[in-house]
Amino acid sequence: MITDQESASSQTVPDAGESDPAETPSPSANEVLPVLQRIDRVLGEIRGALDATERERQHKEFSSLRLIGAILQVVVGGLVALAVLDWIFEARVEALFVKLAFAAVLQLIALTAFLFWRRDGSR
């Protein structure tokens, strides 16, 4: 015996927004394959661009300005250390000031070299 509820539930009408899965045609392999190939090609291009950017970020070109700045920084450190030793061993004050003044000038030259190196690298 079928009740009124059972007969009503078996005869439901789908909403206007719903579509019956049996009625929608599934795309064939011939239609899907070109789309997947295109997606694969675009993803490959994106991967290549990201790899190239990473390679450029890791490997910087040699810069003579950076080398000069680094060498001058080492010389400045040595001059400051000698000035400290002169101060500790109570050497002449004039020698101490000459070393510190020379270190200050070399430090400015080193900073200028680093500044120009950075400016050249940003182009």
C-alpha atoms as a PDB file:
ATOM      1  CA  MET A   1       0.000   0.000   0.000  1.00  0.00           C
ATOM      2  CA  ILE A   2       1.439   3.360  -1.063  1.00  0.00           C
ATOM      3  CA  THR A   3       0.679   6.352   1.050  1.00  0.00           C
ATOM      4  CA  ASP A   4       0.204   9.900  -0.235  1.00  0.00           C
ATOM      5  CA  GLN A   5       3.606  10.962   1.084  1.00  0.00           C
ATOM      6  CA  GLU A   6       5.489   8.258  -0.784  1.00  0.00           C
ATOM      7  CA  SER A   7       3.766   9.035  -4.050  1.00  0.00           C
ATOM      8  CA  ALA A   8       4.430  12.763  -3.607  1.00  0.00           C
ATOM      9  CA  SER A   9       8.125  12.221  -2.862  1.00  0.00           C
ATOM     10  CA  SER A  10       8.621  10.028  -5.915  1.00  0.00           C
ATOM     11  CA  GLN A  11       7.101  12.670  -8.190  1.00  0.00           C
ATOM     12  CA  THR A  12       9.188  15.683  -7.096  1.00  0.00           C
ATOM     13  CA  VAL A  13       9.967  18.273  -9.712  1.00  0.00           C
ATOM     14  CA  PRO A  14      13.552  19.576  -9.798  1.00  0.00           C
ATOM     15  CA  ASP A  15      14.100  23.280  -9.143  1.00  0.00           C
ATOM     16  CA  ALA A  16      14.765  25.593 -12.055  1.00  0.00           C
ATOM     17  CA  GLY A  17      18.415  26.046 -10.966  1.00  0.00           C
ATOM     18  CA  GLU A  18      19.081  22.314 -10.669  1.00  0.00           C
ATOM     19  CA  SER A  19      19.835  20.165 -13.651  1.00  0.00           C
ATOM     20  CA  ASP A  20      19.517  16.451 -13.815  1.00  0.00           C
ATOM     21  CA  PRO A  21      23.000  14.842 -13.958  1.00  0.00           C
ATOM     22  CA  ALA A  22      21.737  12.300 -16.441  1.00  0.00           C
ATOM     23  CA  GLU A  23      20.687  15.059 -18.844  1.00  0.00           C
ATOM     24  CA  THR A  24      23.972  17.078 -18.864  1.00  0.00           C
ATOM     25  CA  PRO A  25      26.385  15.720 -21.422  1.00  0.00           C
ATOM     26  CA  SER A  26      29.856  14.999 -20.080  1.00  0.00           C
ATOM     27  CA  PRO A  27      32.704  16.478 -22.121  1.00  0.00           C
ATOM     28  CA  SER A  28      34.535  13.984 -24.237  1.00  0.00           C
ATOM     29  CA  ALA A  29      38.260  13.313 -23.997  1.00  0.00           C
ATOM     30  CA  ASN A  30      38.780  15.124 -27.304  1.00  0.00           C
ATOM     31  CA  GLU A  31      37.330  18.312 -25.806  1.00  0.00           C
ATOM     32  CA  VAL A  32      39.177  18.123 -22.476  1.00  0.00           C
ATOM     33  CA  LEU A  33      42.642  17.200 -23.793  1.00  0.00           C
ATOM     34  CA  PRO A  34      43.400  20.555 -25.551  1.00  0.00           C
ATOM     35  CA  VAL A  35      42.322  22.498 -22.469  1.00  0.00           C
ATOM     36  CA  LEU A  36      44.567  20.409 -20.227  1.00  0.00           C
ATOM     37  CA  GLN A  37      47.478  20.786 -22.645  1.00  0.00           C
ATOM     38  CA  ARG A  38      47.023  24.563 -22.667  1.00  0.00           C
ATOM     39  CA  ILE A  39      46.934  24.667 -18.850  1.00  0.00           C
ATOM     40  CA  ASP A  40      50.067  22.513 -18.731  1.00  0.00           C
ATOM     41  CA  ARG A  41      51.847  24.846 -21.178  1.00  0.00           C
ATOM     42  CA  VAL A  42      50.918  27.984 -19.208  1.00  0.00           C
ATOM     43  CA  LEU A  43      52.015  26.399 -15.932  1.00  0.00           C
ATOM     44  CA  GLY A  44      55.303  25.414 -17.575  1.00  0.00           C
ATOM     45  CA  GLU A  45      55.870  29.010 -18.702  1.00  0.00           C
ATOM     46  CA  ILE A  46      55.148  30.309 -15.196  1.00  0.00           C
ATOM     47  CA  ARG A  47      57.542  27.735 -13.720  1.00  0.00           C
ATOM     48  CA  GLY A  48      60.266  28.769 -16.179  1.00  0.00           C
ATOM     49  CA  ALA A  49      59.843  32.449 -15.301  1.00  0.00           C
ATOM     50  CA  LEU A  50      60.004  31.703 -11.570  1.00  0.00           C
ATOM     51  CA  ASP A  51      63.110  29.537 -12.019  1.00  0.00           C
ATOM     52  CA  ALA A  52      64.855  32.284 -14.026  1.00  0.00           C
ATOM     53  CA  THR A  53      64.025  34.888 -11.388  1.00  0.00           C
ATOM     54  CA  GLU A  54      65.343  32.641  -8.613  1.00  0.00           C
ATOM     55  CA  ARG A  55      68.555  31.967 -10.561  1.00  0.00           C
ATOM     56  CA  GLU A  56      69.153  35.702 -11.054  1.00  0.00           C
ATOM     57  CA  ARG A  57      68.516  36.379  -7.378  1.00  0.00           C
ATOM     58  CA  GLN A  58      71.026  33.749  -6.273  1.00  0.00           C
ATOM     59  CA  HIS A  59      73.858  34.647  -8.644  1.00  0.00           C
ATOM     60  CA  LYS A  60      74.956  38.252  -8.671  1.00  0.00           C
ATOM     61  CA  GLU A  61      77.490  39.524 -11.128  1.00  0.00           C
ATOM     62  CA  PHE A  62      80.974  40.475 -10.004  1.00  0.00           C
ATOM     63  CA  SER A  63      81.285  44.149  -9.123  1.00  0.00           C
ATOM     64  CA  SER A  64      84.588  45.955  -8.824  1.00  0.00           C
ATOM     65  CA  LEU A  65      82.897  48.672  -6.761  1.00  0.00           C
ATOM     66  CA  ARG A  66      81.788  46.108  -4.207  1.00  0.00           C
ATOM     67  CA  LEU A  67      85.292  44.622  -4.079  1.00  0.00           C
ATOM     68  CA  ILE A  68      86.864  48.068  -3.562  1.00  0.00           C
ATOM     69  CA  GLY A  69      84.361  48.864  -0.812  1.00  0.00           C
ATOM     70  CA  ALA A  70      85.062  45.568   0.972  1.00  0.00           C
ATOM     71  CA  ILE A  71      88.830  46.022   0.806  1.00  0.00           C
ATOM     72  CA  LEU A  72      88.541  49.576   2.128  1.00  0.00           C
ATOM     73  CA  GLN A  73      86.340  48.352   4.988  1.00  0.00           C
ATOM     74  CA  VAL A  74      89.091  45.926   6.029  1.00  0.00           C
ATOM     75  CA  VAL A  75      91.714  48.698   5.857  1.00  0.00           C
ATOM     76  CA  VAL A  76      89.496  50.998   7.939  1.00  0.00           C
ATOM     77  CA  GLY A  77      89.067  48.265  10.544  1.00  0.00           C
ATOM     78  CA  GLY A  78      92.842  47.847  10.708  1.00  0.00           C
ATOM     79  CA  LEU A  79      93.429  51.586  11.091  1.00  0.00           C
ATOM     80  CA  VAL A  80      90.881  51.808  13.893  1.00  0.00           C
ATOM     81  CA  ALA A  81      92.525  48.838  15.629  1.00  0.00           C
ATOM     82  CA  LEU A  82      95.948  50.521  15.321  1.00  0.00           C
ATOM     83  CA  ALA A  83      94.493  53.747  16.703  1.00  0.00           C
ATOM     84  CA  VAL A  84      93.084  51.832  19.680  1.00  0.00           C
ATOM     85  CA  LEU A  85      96.481  50.220  20.257  1.00  0.00           C
ATOM     86  CA  ASP A  86      98.125  53.652  20.078  1.00  0.00           C
ATOM     87  CA  TRP A  87      95.647  54.898  22.664  1.00  0.00           C
ATOM     88  CA  ILE A  88      96.262  51.900  24.942  1.00  0.00           C
ATOM     89  CA  PHE A  89     100.064  52.187  24.734  1.00  0.00           C
ATOM     90  CA  GLU A  90      99.915  55.973  25.048  1.00  0.00           C
ATOM     91  CA  ALA A  91     101.504  56.840  21.728  1.00  0.00           C
ATOM     92  CA  ARG A  92     101.588  60.387  20.408  1.00  0.00           C
ATOM     93  CA  VAL A  93      98.157  61.939  20.025  1.00  0.00           C
ATOM     94  CA  GLU A  94      99.005  63.260  16.550  1.00  0.00           C
ATOM     95  CA  ALA A  95      99.606  59.726  15.245  1.00  0.00           C
ATOM     96  CA  LEU A  96      96.287  58.613  16.741  1.00  0.00           C
ATOM     97  CA  PHE A  97      94.374  61.460  15.071  1.00  0.00           C
ATOM     98  CA  VAL A  98      96.089  60.880  11.725  1.00  0.00           C
ATOM     99  CA  LYS A  99      95.060  57.211  11.740  1.00  0.00           C
ATOM    100  CA  LEU A 100      91.479  58.046  12.714  1.00  0.00           C
ATOM    101  CA  ALA A 101      91.222  60.810  10.099  1.00  0.00           C
ATOM    102  CA  PHE A 102      92.606  58.520   7.409  1.00  0.00           C
ATOM    103  CA  ALA A 103      90.154  55.797   8.503  1.00  0.00           C
ATOM    104  CA  ALA A 104      87.251  58.264   8.285  1.00  0.00           C
ATOM    105  CA  VAL A 105      88.206  59.304   4.750  1.00  0.00           C
ATOM    106  CA  LEU A 106      88.572  55.678   3.634  1.00  0.00           C
ATOM    107  CA  GLN A 107      85.244  54.848   5.234  1.00  0.00           C
ATOM    108  CA  LEU A 108      83.546  57.580   3.202  1.00  0.00           C
ATOM    109  CA  ILE A 109      85.155  56.231   0.030  1.00  0.00           C
ATOM    110  CA  ALA A 110      83.968  52.696   0.898  1.00  0.00           C
ATOM    111  CA  LEU A 111      80.417  53.894   1.541  1.00  0.00           C
ATOM    112  CA  THR A 112      80.440  55.770  -1.761  1.00  0.00           C
ATOM    113  CA  ALA A 113      81.595  52.630  -3.582  1.00  0.00           C
ATOM    114  CA  PHE A 114      78.818  50.584  -1.959  1.00  0.00           C
ATOM    115  CA  LEU A 115      76.265  53.265  -2.840  1.00  0.00           C
ATOM    116  CA  PHE A 116      77.305  53.294  -6.503  1.00  0.00           C
ATOM    117  CA  TRP A 117      77.332  49.488  -6.572  1.00  0.00           C
ATOM    118  CA  ARG A 118      73.766  49.367  -5.263  1.00  0.00           C
ATOM    119  CA  ARG A 119      72.641  52.016  -7.721  1.00  0.00           C
ATOM    120  CA  ASP A 120      74.188  50.088 -10.636  1.00  0.00           C
ATOM    121  CA  GLY A 121      72.613  46.852  -9.431  1.00  0.00           C
ATOM    122  CA  SER A 122      69.089  48.279  -9.347  1.00  0.00           C
ATOM    123  CA  ARG A 123      69.053  49.081 -13.060  1.00  0.00           C
END
